[in-house]
Amino acid sequence: MAYEATKHINGREYRYRVERVRDPESGQSRSRWHYLGRVDDEGELAPARTYAVGVSRDDLVVATARLLQSRDASRITVAVIAHEAGISTGTFYRHFHDRRSAFEAAVAYLGREVIRDLPPLTGRIGSRASERNRLSAWFSALHQAALDDRAFRWALTRTGRDRVVPDLEASSPTSVLRNTLAAYLGRLHAVGLAEIADPAALAGALMRLHLSFARDLAATENPSDASLWWSEVFPVIERAVFPHLDTAA
């Protein structure tokens, strides 16, 4: 036996087909509801929404990244992410446990995009002056990306940020950045432009310094503070790598 029923939800009407089915184990009868569509203002049944076919986890991550870049994270619910991706909320939960896990995946994805666009730290090592400029350009680009992208600003300033920083440091993009910097520092040491006993340890320390600095800047209300603060912080990074600046060639 089947019939149609209308539900009134938040001032709107939605039509369902209801089937009475019997549970083969318990023998009890229950109702199974199938959504047909919303009833429009003229009383006609609007077709049920069709969802995108073949949406992958990566597609969902990209959709979440778009949302984080365009609106406040507090306004992004699982339903909003699902709508952006053209899927049902049920499909969302096949890929992520909650919206936080989707947010973290989206921030990691954007981090990989940033890495792709950074000035390279590879290639032939030049003079100390040229390498100082190269290091400055690399950190400046990383610093600007962290402040320009709304998703990164959310990740750096959200409530409970003491939990966010370890999450970001453990992510694949941050590991790539740290390893890239460590390899570069090792090459500087190898050609005698710097004296670095442990490139990996120094790279980790410099990345933590940069992340802490970016977090403080992301929380400021005055964007003009960025260039001033950076002019004070980069010399600290520079002297950690090139301690004898007065003899720079």
Foldseek 3Di string as FASTA:
>chain_A
DKDKDWDQDPNWIWIWIWDWDADPPVRDIDIDIDTAATQDPVRDGDGDQDFDPPQDLVLLLQLLLVDLQPDDPVPDALCNSCVSSRHHSVVVCVNDVGVVVSLLSNVLVVLVVLVVPAQALDDDDDFLVVVLVNVVSRLVSVLVSCQNGSSNLCLLAPPPNVVSVVSVCPRPSNVVQLVRQLVSLVVCVVVPQFPDPRSSVLSVVVSVLSSVLSSVQSPDPDVVVSVVSCVVPVVVNSCVSRVCVVPTD
